[in-house]
Amino acid sequence: MILAATLVCSVSATHGSRLASDAALELRRANELGGYLVETAPISPGKTSGQTQGFAWTLQVMDPVNAFGPGAICERKIVLTGLRDQRQFTVRANAVCPAAKPA
């Protein structure tokens, strides 16, 4: 009886550590992919999406909000969704982009 209880506890602990390890690996991959997408995002406003490395991603560059001469501040937002478990990760960053031309 003691041996059976010990085996059940050890199997449960192994399964829990495996789930935690998978979640940590997914978080690390999401962090790396989010950083790459922020660095390579276009400077023009718009929306782009794709699928890679176990994630579906959406990149949105917002219209400029604060203009300073020929430049402005634009927000970049990336939403990564894990294809296996549908966890979502969001990355936001500000960047310098061309100012909107007056209408």
C-alpha atoms as a PDB file:
ATOM      1  CA  MET A   1       0.000   0.000   0.000  1.00  0.00           C
ATOM      2  CA  ILE A   2       2.821   2.395   0.876  1.00  0.00           C
ATOM      3  CA  LEU A   3       4.645   1.518  -2.346  1.00  0.00           C
ATOM      4  CA  ALA A   4       1.512   2.138  -4.420  1.00  0.00           C
ATOM      5  CA  ALA A   5       0.930   5.519  -2.764  1.00  0.00           C
ATOM      6  CA  THR A   6       4.559   6.474  -3.354  1.00  0.00           C
ATOM      7  CA  LEU A   7       4.327   5.517  -7.031  1.00  0.00           C
ATOM      8  CA  VAL A   8       1.113   7.483  -7.536  1.00  0.00           C
ATOM      9  CA  CYS A   9       2.663  10.580  -5.920  1.00  0.00           C
ATOM     10  CA  SER A  10       5.844  10.317  -7.978  1.00  0.00           C
ATOM     11  CA  VAL A  11       3.910   9.888 -11.259  1.00  0.00           C
ATOM     12  CA  SER A  12       1.740  12.881 -10.372  1.00  0.00           C
ATOM     13  CA  ALA A  13       4.794  15.001  -9.550  1.00  0.00           C
ATOM     14  CA  THR A  14       6.487  13.956 -12.807  1.00  0.00           C
ATOM     15  CA  HIS A  15       3.405  14.886 -14.816  1.00  0.00           C
ATOM     16  CA  GLY A  16       3.147  18.284 -13.092  1.00  0.00           C
ATOM     17  CA  SER A  17       6.800  19.063 -13.724  1.00  0.00           C
ATOM     18  CA  ARG A  18       6.390  18.087 -17.387  1.00  0.00           C
ATOM     19  CA  LEU A  19       3.470  20.510 -17.768  1.00  0.00           C
ATOM     20  CA  ALA A  20       5.461  23.291 -16.089  1.00  0.00           C
ATOM     21  CA  SER A  21       8.434  22.591 -18.341  1.00  0.00           C
ATOM     22  CA  ASP A  22       6.257  22.753 -21.476  1.00  0.00           C
ATOM     23  CA  ALA A  23       4.722  26.060 -20.344  1.00  0.00           C
ATOM     24  CA  ALA A  24       8.162  27.541 -19.639  1.00  0.00           C
ATOM     25  CA  LEU A  25       9.445  26.485 -23.057  1.00  0.00           C
ATOM     26  CA  GLU A  26       6.409  27.998 -24.760  1.00  0.00           C
ATOM     27  CA  LEU A  27       6.894  31.261 -22.849  1.00  0.00           C
ATOM     28  CA  ARG A  28      10.558  31.406 -23.880  1.00  0.00           C
ATOM     29  CA  ARG A  29       9.683  30.796 -27.545  1.00  0.00           C
ATOM     30  CA  ALA A  30       6.927  33.420 -27.411  1.00  0.00           C
ATOM     31  CA  ASN A  31       9.359  35.916 -25.891  1.00  0.00           C
ATOM     32  CA  GLU A  32      11.951  35.279 -28.613  1.00  0.00           C
ATOM     33  CA  LEU A  33       9.410  35.435 -31.450  1.00  0.00           C
ATOM     34  CA  GLY A  34       7.773  38.572 -30.013  1.00  0.00           C
ATOM     35  CA  GLY A  35      11.141  40.311 -29.757  1.00  0.00           C
ATOM     36  CA  TYR A  36      12.018  39.366 -33.328  1.00  0.00           C
ATOM     37  CA  LEU A  37       8.670  40.615 -34.661  1.00  0.00           C
ATOM     38  CA  VAL A  38       8.988  43.917 -32.776  1.00  0.00           C
ATOM     39  CA  GLU A  39      12.470  44.483 -34.200  1.00  0.00           C
ATOM     40  CA  THR A  40      11.498  43.644 -37.785  1.00  0.00           C
ATOM     41  CA  ALA A  41       8.020  45.235 -37.833  1.00  0.00           C
ATOM     42  CA  PRO A  42       7.335  47.726 -40.627  1.00  0.00           C
ATOM     43  CA  ILE A  43       7.081  51.406 -39.715  1.00  0.00           C
ATOM     44  CA  SER A  44       3.919  52.047 -41.716  1.00  0.00           C
ATOM     45  CA  PRO A  45       0.543  51.583 -39.970  1.00  0.00           C
ATOM     46  CA  GLY A  46      -1.306  48.390 -40.757  1.00  0.00           C
ATOM     47  CA  LYS A  47      -2.006  44.833 -39.715  1.00  0.00           C
ATOM     48  CA  THR A  48      -0.059  41.693 -40.601  1.00  0.00           C
ATOM     49  CA  SER A  49      -0.522  38.105 -39.520  1.00  0.00           C
ATOM     50  CA  GLY A  50       1.203  34.795 -39.940  1.00  0.00           C
ATOM     51  CA  GLN A  51       1.992  31.433 -38.445  1.00  0.00           C
ATOM     52  CA  THR A  52       5.384  30.086 -37.393  1.00  0.00           C
ATOM     53  CA  GLN A  53       7.190  28.108 -34.666  1.00  0.00           C
ATOM     54  CA  GLY A  54       3.972  26.784 -33.110  1.00  0.00           C
ATOM     55  CA  PHE A  55       2.321  30.210 -32.933  1.00  0.00           C
ATOM     56  CA  ALA A  56      -0.239  32.148 -34.917  1.00  0.00           C
ATOM     57  CA  TRP A  57       0.659  35.835 -34.667  1.00  0.00           C
ATOM     58  CA  THR A  58      -0.906  39.186 -35.460  1.00  0.00           C
ATOM     59  CA  LEU A  59       1.169  42.361 -35.729  1.00  0.00           C
ATOM     60  CA  GLN A  60      -0.558  45.717 -35.689  1.00  0.00           C
ATOM     61  CA  VAL A  61       1.197  49.055 -36.148  1.00  0.00           C
ATOM     62  CA  MET A  62      -1.098  51.839 -34.960  1.00  0.00           C
ATOM     63  CA  ASP A  63      -1.451  55.262 -36.554  1.00  0.00           C
ATOM     64  CA  PRO A  64       0.904  57.937 -35.157  1.00  0.00           C
ATOM     65  CA  VAL A  65      -0.350  59.670 -32.029  1.00  0.00           C
ATOM     66  CA  ASN A  66       2.300  62.271 -31.175  1.00  0.00           C
ATOM     67  CA  ALA A  67       4.105  63.998 -34.038  1.00  0.00           C
ATOM     68  CA  PHE A  68       7.451  65.743 -33.579  1.00  0.00           C
ATOM     69  CA  GLY A  69       8.373  67.392 -36.884  1.00  0.00           C
ATOM     70  CA  PRO A  70       8.849  64.692 -39.547  1.00  0.00           C
ATOM     71  CA  GLY A  71       8.687  61.867 -36.996  1.00  0.00           C
ATOM     72  CA  ALA A  72       5.982  60.486 -34.730  1.00  0.00           C
ATOM     73  CA  ILE A  73       5.435  57.834 -32.082  1.00  0.00           C
ATOM     74  CA  CYS A  74       3.596  54.689 -33.202  1.00  0.00           C
ATOM     75  CA  GLU A  75       2.588  51.739 -31.058  1.00  0.00           C
ATOM     76  CA  ARG A  76       3.353  48.220 -32.215  1.00  0.00           C
ATOM     77  CA  LYS A  77       1.219  45.425 -30.774  1.00  0.00           C
ATOM     78  CA  ILE A  78       1.854  41.746 -31.334  1.00  0.00           C
ATOM     79  CA  VAL A  79      -0.471  38.983 -30.178  1.00  0.00           C
ATOM     80  CA  LEU A  80       0.936  35.445 -30.255  1.00  0.00           C
ATOM     81  CA  THR A  81      -1.439  32.495 -29.847  1.00  0.00           C
ATOM     82  CA  GLY A  82      -0.051  29.037 -29.163  1.00  0.00           C
ATOM     83  CA  LEU A  83      -1.377  26.552 -31.706  1.00  0.00           C
ATOM     84  CA  ARG A  84      -1.338  23.643 -29.276  1.00  0.00           C
ATOM     85  CA  ASP A  85      -3.026  25.082 -26.185  1.00  0.00           C
ATOM     86  CA  GLN A  86      -4.327  28.486 -27.383  1.00  0.00           C
ATOM     87  CA  ARG A  87      -2.388  30.491 -24.754  1.00  0.00           C
ATOM     88  CA  GLN A  88      -2.016  34.127 -25.753  1.00  0.00           C
ATOM     89  CA  PHE A  89       1.039  36.323 -25.303  1.00  0.00           C
ATOM     90  CA  THR A  90       1.055  40.069 -26.034  1.00  0.00           C
ATOM     91  CA  VAL A  91       4.008  42.327 -26.811  1.00  0.00           C
ATOM     92  CA  ARG A  92       3.676  46.111 -27.047  1.00  0.00           C
ATOM     93  CA  ALA A  93       6.345  48.618 -27.966  1.00  0.00           C
ATOM     94  CA  ASN A  94       6.606  52.199 -29.136  1.00  0.00           C
ATOM     95  CA  ALA A  95       8.665  53.166 -32.160  1.00  0.00           C
ATOM     96  CA  VAL A  96       9.504  56.219 -34.220  1.00  0.00           C
ATOM     97  CA  CYS A  97       7.591  56.296 -37.500  1.00  0.00           C
ATOM     98  CA  PRO A  98       6.886  58.898 -40.174  1.00  0.00           C
ATOM     99  CA  ALA A  99       4.377  61.575 -39.136  1.00  0.00           C
ATOM    100  CA  ALA A 100       0.974  61.406 -40.793  1.00  0.00           C
ATOM    101  CA  LYS A 101       0.594  63.882 -43.623  1.00  0.00           C
ATOM    102  CA  PRO A 102      -2.049  66.554 -43.045  1.00  0.00           C
ATOM    103  CA  ALA A 103      -5.242  66.013 -45.039  1.00  0.00           C
END
